[in-house]
Amino acid sequence: MVPSVEPTGCAWRKTSYSAGSGSNGDCAEVAHTEPAVAVRDSKTTDVGNVSASAAVWRAFVTSIARNHW
């Protein structure tokens, strides 16, 4: 993990699952920053975020895609 960053001028993007049945729009949002990727809860955007390096984020997403969770 890298220190939490507050992305300024970055576009937050909701995950594709946030439109799914029963989700009520509750999901995670992601913003690509330098040198990190920031993630926050879409319900409580004012609370802050968690940041990870691009390499760690890529490994996390790849692991999920391969059903390693």
N, C-alpha and C. Protein backbone atom coordinates (compact mmCIF):
# COMPACT_ATOMS: atom_id res chain seq x y z
N MET A 1 0.84 -1.18 0.00
CA MET A 1 0.00 0.00 0.00
C MET A 1 0.89 1.24 0.00
N VAL A 2 0.37 2.28 -0.59
CA VAL A 2 1.03 3.58 -0.57
C VAL A 2 0.16 4.51 0.25
N PRO A 3 0.72 5.61 0.74
CA PRO A 3 -0.10 6.52 1.54
C PRO A 3 -1.36 6.93 0.77
N SER A 4 -2.45 7.08 1.50
CA SER A 4 -3.71 7.49 0.88
C SER A 4 -3.53 8.85 0.22
N VAL A 5 -4.02 8.95 -0.99
CA VAL A 5 -3.94 10.21 -1.71
C VAL A 5 -5.36 10.69 -1.99
N GLU A 6 -5.53 11.99 -1.99
CA GLU A 6 -6.84 12.54 -2.36
C GLU A 6 -6.71 13.00 -3.80
N PRO A 7 -7.24 12.21 -4.72
CA PRO A 7 -7.12 12.56 -6.13
C PRO A 7 -7.79 13.89 -6.43
N THR A 8 -7.04 14.81 -6.96
CA THR A 8 -7.56 16.11 -7.33
C THR A 8 -7.67 16.17 -8.84
N GLY A 9 -8.84 16.45 -9.33
CA GLY A 9 -9.03 16.54 -10.77
C GLY A 9 -9.11 15.20 -11.47
N CYS A 10 -9.15 14.12 -10.71
CA CYS A 10 -9.26 12.78 -11.30
C CYS A 10 -10.73 12.37 -11.35
N ALA A 11 -11.05 11.61 -12.35
CA ALA A 11 -12.42 11.12 -12.48
C ALA A 11 -12.58 9.82 -11.69
N TRP A 12 -13.53 9.80 -10.78
CA TRP A 12 -13.87 8.57 -10.05
C TRP A 12 -14.79 7.76 -10.95
N ARG A 13 -14.54 6.47 -11.01
CA ARG A 13 -15.32 5.56 -11.85
C ARG A 13 -15.92 4.47 -10.98
N LYS A 14 -17.24 4.25 -11.10
CA LYS A 14 -17.89 3.16 -10.37
C LYS A 14 -17.64 1.85 -11.08
N THR A 15 -17.56 0.78 -10.31
CA THR A 15 -17.38 -0.53 -10.92
C THR A 15 -18.62 -0.92 -11.70
N SER A 16 -18.45 -1.82 -12.64
CA SER A 16 -19.57 -2.24 -13.49
C SER A 16 -20.64 -2.97 -12.69
N TYR A 17 -20.31 -3.50 -11.53
CA TYR A 17 -21.29 -4.22 -10.72
C TYR A 17 -22.25 -3.29 -9.97
N SER A 18 -21.97 -1.99 -9.94
CA SER A 18 -22.82 -1.09 -9.16
C SER A 18 -24.21 -0.95 -9.76
N ALA A 19 -24.38 -1.31 -11.00
CA ALA A 19 -25.70 -1.23 -11.63
C ALA A 19 -26.45 -2.56 -11.53
N GLY A 20 -25.85 -3.53 -10.90
CA GLY A 20 -26.44 -4.86 -10.82
C GLY A 20 -27.69 -4.93 -9.97
N SER A 21 -28.41 -5.97 -10.12
CA SER A 21 -29.65 -6.19 -9.40
C SER A 21 -29.41 -6.22 -7.89
N GLY A 22 -30.15 -5.43 -7.16
CA GLY A 22 -30.08 -5.43 -5.71
C GLY A 22 -28.95 -4.62 -5.12
N SER A 23 -28.12 -4.00 -5.94
CA SER A 23 -26.98 -3.28 -5.39
C SER A 23 -27.34 -1.87 -4.93
N ASN A 24 -28.43 -1.32 -5.44
CA ASN A 24 -28.86 0.04 -5.10
C ASN A 24 -27.77 1.07 -5.35
N GLY A 25 -26.86 0.76 -6.26
CA GLY A 25 -25.78 1.70 -6.57
C GLY A 25 -24.65 1.68 -5.56
N ASP A 26 -24.73 0.81 -4.56
CA ASP A 26 -23.67 0.73 -3.54
C ASP A 26 -22.50 -0.05 -4.09
N CYS A 27 -21.38 0.60 -4.21
CA CYS A 27 -20.24 -0.09 -4.78
C CYS A 27 -18.97 0.69 -4.50
N ALA A 28 -17.90 0.22 -5.09
CA ALA A 28 -16.61 0.90 -4.97
C ALA A 28 -16.40 1.81 -6.17
N GLU A 29 -15.62 2.86 -5.94
CA GLU A 29 -15.22 3.76 -7.01
C GLU A 29 -13.70 3.76 -7.07
N VAL A 30 -13.17 3.92 -8.27
CA VAL A 30 -11.72 3.87 -8.48
C VAL A 30 -11.29 5.13 -9.22
N ALA A 31 -10.14 5.69 -8.84
CA ALA A 31 -9.54 6.82 -9.55
C ALA A 31 -8.08 6.49 -9.79
N HIS A 32 -7.63 6.64 -11.01
CA HIS A 32 -6.23 6.41 -11.34
C HIS A 32 -5.47 7.70 -11.15
N THR A 33 -4.49 7.66 -10.28
CA THR A 33 -3.66 8.82 -9.96
C THR A 33 -2.20 8.43 -10.19
N GLU A 34 -1.32 9.35 -10.06
CA GLU A 34 0.11 9.03 -10.10
C GLU A 34 0.65 9.21 -8.70
N PRO A 35 1.27 8.24 -8.15
CA PRO A 35 1.66 6.93 -8.69
C PRO A 35 0.76 5.81 -8.21
N ALA A 36 -0.47 6.11 -7.87
CA ALA A 36 -1.31 5.11 -7.22
C ALA A 36 -2.68 5.00 -7.88
N VAL A 37 -3.41 4.00 -7.40
CA VAL A 37 -4.82 3.82 -7.74
C VAL A 37 -5.56 3.96 -6.42
N ALA A 38 -6.55 4.85 -6.39
CA ALA A 38 -7.31 5.10 -5.17
C ALA A 38 -8.67 4.43 -5.28
N VAL A 39 -9.15 3.88 -4.16
CA VAL A 39 -10.44 3.19 -4.11
C VAL A 39 -11.22 3.76 -2.93
N ARG A 40 -12.52 4.00 -3.15
CA ARG A 40 -13.37 4.49 -2.06
C ARG A 40 -14.75 3.87 -2.15
N ASP A 41 -15.48 3.96 -1.05
CA ASP A 41 -16.85 3.47 -0.97
C ASP A 41 -17.77 4.52 -1.59
N SER A 42 -18.60 4.13 -2.54
CA SER A 42 -19.46 5.09 -3.23
C SER A 42 -20.54 5.68 -2.32
N LYS A 43 -20.83 5.02 -1.19
CA LYS A 43 -21.85 5.52 -0.27
C LYS A 43 -21.30 6.59 0.66
N THR A 44 -19.99 6.55 0.92
CA THR A 44 -19.37 7.47 1.87
C THR A 44 -18.11 8.07 1.25
N THR A 45 -18.28 8.83 0.20
CA THR A 45 -17.14 9.36 -0.54
C THR A 45 -16.34 10.39 0.26
N ASP A 46 -16.95 10.98 1.28
CA ASP A 46 -16.26 11.99 2.07
C ASP A 46 -15.37 11.41 3.17
N VAL A 47 -15.41 10.09 3.37
CA VAL A 47 -14.65 9.46 4.44
C VAL A 47 -13.17 9.30 4.08
N GLY A 48 -12.87 9.16 2.82
CA GLY A 48 -11.48 8.97 2.40
C GLY A 48 -11.38 7.79 1.44
N ASN A 49 -10.15 7.37 1.22
CA ASN A 49 -9.94 6.28 0.28
C ASN A 49 -8.73 5.45 0.69
N VAL A 50 -8.56 4.35 0.02
CA VAL A 50 -7.41 3.48 0.19
C VAL A 50 -6.65 3.53 -1.12
N SER A 51 -5.32 3.60 -1.04
CA SER A 51 -4.52 3.68 -2.25
C SER A 51 -3.54 2.52 -2.33
N ALA A 52 -3.27 2.11 -3.56
CA ALA A 52 -2.29 1.05 -3.81
C ALA A 52 -1.50 1.43 -5.06
N SER A 53 -0.29 0.93 -5.16
CA SER A 53 0.50 1.20 -6.35
C SER A 53 -0.19 0.54 -7.55
N ALA A 54 0.13 1.01 -8.73
CA ALA A 54 -0.47 0.45 -9.95
C ALA A 54 -0.18 -1.04 -10.05
N ALA A 55 1.02 -1.47 -9.68
CA ALA A 55 1.39 -2.89 -9.76
C ALA A 55 0.55 -3.73 -8.80
N VAL A 56 0.35 -3.25 -7.58
CA VAL A 56 -0.46 -3.98 -6.60
C VAL A 56 -1.91 -4.03 -7.06
N TRP A 57 -2.44 -2.93 -7.57
CA TRP A 57 -3.81 -2.91 -8.07
C TRP A 57 -3.99 -3.90 -9.21
N ARG A 58 -3.06 -3.92 -10.15
CA ARG A 58 -3.12 -4.84 -11.28
C ARG A 58 -3.12 -6.29 -10.80
N ALA A 59 -2.28 -6.62 -9.83
CA ALA A 59 -2.24 -7.98 -9.28
C ALA A 59 -3.56 -8.33 -8.60
N PHE A 60 -4.14 -7.38 -7.87
CA PHE A 60 -5.42 -7.59 -7.19
C PHE A 60 -6.53 -7.88 -8.20
N VAL A 61 -6.64 -7.04 -9.23
CA VAL A 61 -7.69 -7.20 -10.24
C VAL A 61 -7.50 -8.51 -11.00
N THR A 62 -6.27 -8.85 -11.33
CA THR A 62 -5.99 -10.11 -12.03
C THR A 62 -6.39 -11.30 -11.17
N SER A 63 -6.10 -11.22 -9.88
CA SER A 63 -6.45 -12.31 -8.97
C SER A 63 -7.97 -12.49 -8.90
N ILE A 64 -8.71 -11.41 -8.85
CA ILE A 64 -10.17 -11.50 -8.82
C ILE A 64 -10.68 -12.09 -10.13
N ALA A 65 -10.13 -11.63 -11.24
CA ALA A 65 -10.57 -12.13 -12.54
C ALA A 65 -10.34 -13.64 -12.69
N ARG A 66 -9.33 -14.13 -12.00
CA ARG A 66 -9.02 -15.56 -12.06
C ARG A 66 -9.70 -16.35 -10.94
N ASN A 67 -10.61 -15.69 -10.23
CA ASN A 67 -11.38 -16.33 -9.14
C ASN A 67 -10.49 -16.88 -8.03
N HIS A 68 -9.47 -16.14 -7.66
CA HIS A 68 -8.60 -16.58 -6.59
C HIS A 68 -9.08 -16.11 -5.22
N TRP A 69 -10.30 -15.58 -5.15
CA TRP A 69 -10.83 -15.08 -3.88
C TRP A 69 -11.90 -15.98 -3.38
